[in-house]
């Protein structure tokens, strides 16, 4: 159930075509939050394809998951609760995970932890508690490292 105020409608009308107005969580419908979550999960598939992994076997290997789990995730037929912390930990632990996929996973984690997919405070708290901080930190470090300039170390002779 949403409540449309004239101010929100006016702001939406001012936005450019194709851009969705930002609605606070309480004003988004469950269907809108679910659609947002499914769109983010579909981005994983697109990122894998962009990295050159198009077959299910290749994608499963890169994600560090079995084929059936990979199929369920990439077809976006996943349960309404989304990806579990256990699945995310397994994906982030995959040594050959392409950087773009890692970025998409970390964006998903941040959005889910922020409650953008409609999960309650208790669900989000449990999700965050089950995430492996080591894997998430490693993901952020690997995301930042390629952007840093390589420094040459002068050797004393």
C-alpha atoms as a PDB file:
ATOM      1  CA  UNK A   1       0.000   0.000   0.000  1.00  0.00           C
ATOM      2  CA  UNK A   2       1.465   3.362  -1.001  1.00  0.00           C
ATOM      3  CA  UNK A   3       0.520   6.906  -0.201  1.00  0.00           C
ATOM      4  CA  UNK A   4       1.159   9.334  -3.055  1.00  0.00           C
ATOM      5  CA  UNK A   5       1.523  12.906  -1.953  1.00  0.00           C
ATOM      6  CA  UNK A   6       1.357  15.805  -4.410  1.00  0.00           C
ATOM      7  CA  UNK A   7       4.985  16.652  -3.616  1.00  0.00           C
ATOM      8  CA  UNK A   8       6.173  13.156  -4.542  1.00  0.00           C
ATOM      9  CA  UNK A   9       4.130  13.188  -7.739  1.00  0.00           C
ATOM     10  CA  UNK A  10       5.508  16.592  -8.704  1.00  0.00           C
ATOM     11  CA  UNK A  11       9.077  15.427  -8.033  1.00  0.00           C
ATOM     12  CA  UNK A  12       8.468  12.358 -10.173  1.00  0.00           C
ATOM     13  CA  UNK A  13       7.117  14.489 -13.009  1.00  0.00           C
ATOM     14  CA  UNK A  14      10.213  16.719 -12.935  1.00  0.00           C
ATOM     15  CA  UNK A  15      12.570  13.761 -13.314  1.00  0.00           C
ATOM     16  CA  UNK A  16      13.797  12.788 -16.759  1.00  0.00           C
ATOM     17  CA  UNK A  17      12.054  10.028 -18.673  1.00  0.00           C
ATOM     18  CA  UNK A  18      13.192   6.538 -17.732  1.00  0.00           C
ATOM     19  CA  UNK A  19      14.493   7.582 -14.325  1.00  0.00           C
ATOM     20  CA  UNK A  20      12.598   6.192 -11.354  1.00  0.00           C
ATOM     21  CA  UNK A  21      11.985   8.588  -8.501  1.00  0.00           C
ATOM     22  CA  UNK A  22      13.471   7.537  -5.196  1.00  0.00           C
ATOM     23  CA  UNK A  23      10.774   6.609  -2.737  1.00  0.00           C
ATOM     24  CA  UNK A  24      11.549   6.032   0.913  1.00  0.00           C
ATOM     25  CA  UNK A  25      11.200   2.411   2.002  1.00  0.00           C
ATOM     26  CA  UNK A  26       7.865   2.935   3.713  1.00  0.00           C
ATOM     27  CA  UNK A  27       6.320   4.273   0.486  1.00  0.00           C
ATOM     28  CA  UNK A  28       7.580   1.516  -1.822  1.00  0.00           C
ATOM     29  CA  UNK A  29       5.353  -1.455  -2.367  1.00  0.00           C
ATOM     30  CA  UNK A  30       6.540  -4.974  -1.707  1.00  0.00           C
ATOM     31  CA  UNK A  31       6.402  -5.631  -5.446  1.00  0.00           C
ATOM     32  CA  UNK A  32       8.700  -2.667  -6.157  1.00  0.00           C
ATOM     33  CA  UNK A  33      11.227  -3.827  -3.563  1.00  0.00           C
ATOM     34  CA  UNK A  34      11.084  -7.392  -4.897  1.00  0.00           C
ATOM     35  CA  UNK A  35      11.590  -6.139  -8.467  1.00  0.00           C
ATOM     36  CA  UNK A  36      14.601  -4.113  -7.343  1.00  0.00           C
ATOM     37  CA  UNK A  37      16.107  -7.186  -5.687  1.00  0.00           C
ATOM     38  CA  UNK A  38      15.531  -9.357  -8.766  1.00  0.00           C
ATOM     39  CA  UNK A  39      17.083  -6.701 -11.005  1.00  0.00           C
ATOM     40  CA  UNK A  40      20.198  -6.628  -8.827  1.00  0.00           C
ATOM     41  CA  UNK A  41      20.482 -10.422  -8.912  1.00  0.00           C
ATOM     42  CA  UNK A  42      20.123 -10.342 -12.722  1.00  0.00           C
ATOM     43  CA  UNK A  43      23.109  -7.988 -12.793  1.00  0.00           C
ATOM     44  CA  UNK A  44      25.248 -10.890 -11.514  1.00  0.00           C
ATOM     45  CA  UNK A  45      24.397 -12.846 -14.687  1.00  0.00           C
ATOM     46  CA  UNK A  46      25.149  -9.836 -16.880  1.00  0.00           C
ATOM     47  CA  UNK A  47      28.476  -9.262 -15.134  1.00  0.00           C
ATOM     48  CA  UNK A  48      29.464 -12.911 -15.597  1.00  0.00           C
ATOM     49  CA  UNK A  49      28.532 -12.741 -19.288  1.00  0.00           C
ATOM     50  CA  UNK A  50      30.529  -9.521 -19.684  1.00  0.00           C
ATOM     51  CA  UNK A  51      33.545 -11.320 -18.185  1.00  0.00           C
ATOM     52  CA  UNK A  52      33.139 -14.052 -20.819  1.00  0.00           C
ATOM     53  CA  UNK A  53      31.465 -16.762 -18.738  1.00  0.00           C
ATOM     54  CA  UNK A  54      28.283 -17.678 -20.573  1.00  0.00           C
ATOM     55  CA  UNK A  55      27.746 -21.374 -19.888  1.00  0.00           C
ATOM     56  CA  UNK A  56      26.228 -22.553 -16.634  1.00  0.00           C
ATOM     57  CA  UNK A  57      29.279 -24.711 -15.858  1.00  0.00           C
ATOM     58  CA  UNK A  58      31.654 -21.756 -16.235  1.00  0.00           C
ATOM     59  CA  UNK A  59      29.416 -19.485 -14.195  1.00  0.00           C
ATOM     60  CA  UNK A  60      29.054 -22.045 -11.394  1.00  0.00           C
ATOM     61  CA  UNK A  61      32.821 -22.501 -11.252  1.00  0.00           C
ATOM     62  CA  UNK A  62      33.454 -18.750 -11.069  1.00  0.00           C
ATOM     63  CA  UNK A  63      30.845 -18.287  -8.327  1.00  0.00           C
ATOM     64  CA  UNK A  64      32.114 -21.287  -6.357  1.00  0.00           C
ATOM     65  CA  UNK A  65      28.614 -22.812  -6.250  1.00  0.00           C
ATOM     66  CA  UNK A  66      27.017 -25.977  -7.563  1.00  0.00           C
ATOM     67  CA  UNK A  67      25.165 -25.855 -10.870  1.00  0.00           C
ATOM     68  CA  UNK A  68      21.653 -26.041  -9.420  1.00  0.00           C
ATOM     69  CA  UNK A  69      22.255 -23.160  -7.005  1.00  0.00           C
ATOM     70  CA  UNK A  70      23.848 -21.099  -9.763  1.00  0.00           C
ATOM     71  CA  UNK A  71      20.890 -21.819 -12.066  1.00  0.00           C
ATOM     72  CA  UNK A  72      18.398 -20.719  -9.429  1.00  0.00           C
ATOM     73  CA  UNK A  73      20.291 -17.512  -8.674  1.00  0.00           C
ATOM     74  CA  UNK A  74      21.018 -16.475 -12.247  1.00  0.00           C
ATOM     75  CA  UNK A  75      17.488 -17.163 -13.467  1.00  0.00           C
ATOM     76  CA  UNK A  76      16.316 -14.797 -10.722  1.00  0.00           C
ATOM     77  CA  UNK A  77      13.818 -17.366  -9.470  1.00  0.00           C
ATOM     78  CA  UNK A  78      15.282 -17.068  -6.017  1.00  0.00           C
ATOM     79  CA  UNK A  79      13.104 -17.030  -2.947  1.00  0.00           C
ATOM     80  CA  UNK A  80      11.788 -13.697  -1.784  1.00  0.00           C
ATOM     81  CA  UNK A  81      14.334 -13.491   1.011  1.00  0.00           C
ATOM     82  CA  UNK A  82      17.066 -13.202  -1.609  1.00  0.00           C
ATOM     83  CA  UNK A  83      20.574 -14.550  -1.354  1.00  0.00           C
ATOM     84  CA  UNK A  84      21.523 -15.843   2.060  1.00  0.00           C
ATOM     85  CA  UNK A  85      24.663 -14.756   3.870  1.00  0.00           C
ATOM     86  CA  UNK A  86      26.023 -18.299   3.473  1.00  0.00           C
ATOM     87  CA  UNK A  87      25.690 -18.153  -0.327  1.00  0.00           C
ATOM     88  CA  UNK A  88      27.252 -14.692  -0.416  1.00  0.00           C
ATOM     89  CA  UNK A  89      30.172 -15.876   1.748  1.00  0.00           C
ATOM     90  CA  UNK A  90      30.742 -18.800  -0.633  1.00  0.00           C
ATOM     91  CA  UNK A  91      30.656 -16.521  -3.669  1.00  0.00           C
ATOM     92  CA  UNK A  92      33.058 -13.985  -2.142  1.00  0.00           C
ATOM     93  CA  UNK A  93      35.415 -16.817  -1.148  1.00  0.00           C
ATOM     94  CA  UNK A  94      35.688 -17.983  -4.773  1.00  0.00           C
ATOM     95  CA  UNK A  95      39.296 -17.270  -5.772  1.00  0.00           C
ATOM     96  CA  UNK A  96      38.573 -16.632  -9.469  1.00  0.00           C
ATOM     97  CA  UNK A  97      35.542 -14.393  -9.024  1.00  0.00           C
ATOM     98  CA  UNK A  98      35.667 -11.626 -11.673  1.00  0.00           C
ATOM     99  CA  UNK A  99      36.037  -8.134 -10.156  1.00  0.00           C
ATOM    100  CA  UNK A 100      32.811  -6.824 -11.727  1.00  0.00           C
ATOM    101  CA  UNK A 101      30.818  -9.682 -10.202  1.00  0.00           C
ATOM    102  CA  UNK A 102      32.456  -9.020  -6.825  1.00  0.00           C
ATOM    103  CA  UNK A 103      31.388  -5.369  -7.063  1.00  0.00           C
ATOM    104  CA  UNK A 104      27.788  -6.377  -7.865  1.00  0.00           C
ATOM    105  CA  UNK A 105      27.720  -8.811  -4.927  1.00  0.00           C
ATOM    106  CA  UNK A 106      29.019  -6.131  -2.552  1.00  0.00           C
ATOM    107  CA  UNK A 107      26.414  -3.655  -3.841  1.00  0.00           C
ATOM    108  CA  UNK A 108      23.742  -6.289  -3.201  1.00  0.00           C
ATOM    109  CA  UNK A 109      25.043  -6.825   0.343  1.00  0.00           C
ATOM    110  CA  UNK A 110      24.984  -3.085   1.079  1.00  0.00           C
ATOM    111  CA  UNK A 111      21.467  -2.653  -0.321  1.00  0.00           C
ATOM    112  CA  UNK A 112      20.095  -5.690   1.498  1.00  0.00           C
ATOM    113  CA  UNK A 113      21.696  -4.604   4.771  1.00  0.00           C
ATOM    114  CA  UNK A 114      20.177  -1.132   4.298  1.00  0.00           C
ATOM    115  CA  UNK A 115      16.705  -2.640   3.946  1.00  0.00           C
ATOM    116  CA  UNK A 116      16.080  -1.669   0.329  1.00  0.00           C
ATOM    117  CA  UNK A 117      14.565  -5.067  -0.429  1.00  0.00           C
ATOM    118  CA  UNK A 118      11.901  -4.921   2.266  1.00  0.00           C
ATOM    119  CA  UNK A 119      13.513  -7.015   4.970  1.00  0.00           C
ATOM    120  CA  UNK A 120      12.772  -6.146   8.567  1.00  0.00           C
ATOM    121  CA  UNK A 121      15.268  -5.006  11.151  1.00  0.00           C
ATOM    122  CA  UNK A 122      15.629  -8.475  12.702  1.00  0.00           C
ATOM    123  CA  UNK A 123      16.184 -10.159   9.327  1.00  0.00           C
ATOM    124  CA  UNK A 124      18.793  -7.582   8.369  1.00  0.00           C
ATOM    125  CA  UNK A 125      20.557  -7.927  11.716  1.00  0.00           C
ATOM    126  CA  UNK A 126      20.775 -11.722  11.293  1.00  0.00           C
ATOM    127  CA  UNK A 127      21.979 -11.311   7.696  1.00  0.00           C
ATOM    128  CA  UNK A 128      24.752  -8.937   8.736  1.00  0.00           C
ATOM    129  CA  UNK A 129      25.767 -11.156  11.655  1.00  0.00           C
ATOM    130  CA  UNK A 130      26.147 -14.191   9.376  1.00  0.00           C
ATOM    131  CA  UNK A 131      28.238 -12.404   6.772  1.00  0.00           C
ATOM    132  CA  UNK A 132      31.896 -13.211   6.888  1.00  0.00           C
ATOM    133  CA  UNK A 133      33.550  -9.863   7.573  1.00  0.00           C
ATOM    134  CA  UNK A 134      36.783 -11.312   6.258  1.00  0.00           C
ATOM    135  CA  UNK A 135      35.224 -12.009   2.848  1.00  0.00           C
ATOM    136  CA  UNK A 136      33.447  -8.654   2.627  1.00  0.00           C
ATOM    137  CA  UNK A 137      36.594  -6.738   3.625  1.00  0.00           C
ATOM    138  CA  UNK A 138      38.630  -8.753   1.131  1.00  0.00           C
ATOM    139  CA  UNK A 139      36.086  -7.839  -1.527  1.00  0.00           C
ATOM    140  CA  UNK A 140      36.354  -4.138  -0.753  1.00  0.00           C
ATOM    141  CA  UNK A 141      40.162  -4.256  -0.682  1.00  0.00           C
ATOM    142  CA  UNK A 142      40.341  -6.064  -4.034  1.00  0.00           C
ATOM    143  CA  UNK A 143      37.862  -3.567  -5.426  1.00  0.00           C
ATOM    144  CA  UNK A 144      40.051  -0.633  -4.362  1.00  0.00           C
ATOM    145  CA  UNK A 145      43.507  -2.058  -5.108  1.00  0.00           C
ATOM    146  CA  UNK A 146      43.322  -1.943  -8.920  1.00  0.00           C
ATOM    147  CA  UNK A 147      42.488   1.763  -8.676  1.00  0.00           C
ATOM    148  CA  UNK A 148      45.622   2.566  -6.698  1.00  0.00           C
ATOM    149  CA  UNK A 149      48.689   3.619  -8.724  1.00  0.00           C
ATOM    150  CA  UNK A 150      51.522   1.138  -8.629  1.00  0.00           C
ATOM    151  CA  UNK A 151      54.436   2.523  -6.669  1.00  0.00           C
ATOM    152  CA  UNK A 152      58.015   1.628  -7.389  1.00  0.00           C
ATOM    153  CA  UNK A 153      60.097   0.981  -4.336  1.00  0.00           C
ATOM    154  CA  UNK A 154      63.590   2.363  -4.530  1.00  0.00           C
ATOM    155  CA  UNK A 155      66.158  -0.217  -3.567  1.00  0.00           C
ATOM    156  CA  UNK A 156      69.148   0.827  -1.525  1.00  0.00           C
ATOM    157  CA  UNK A 157      72.361  -0.417  -3.115  1.00  0.00           C
END
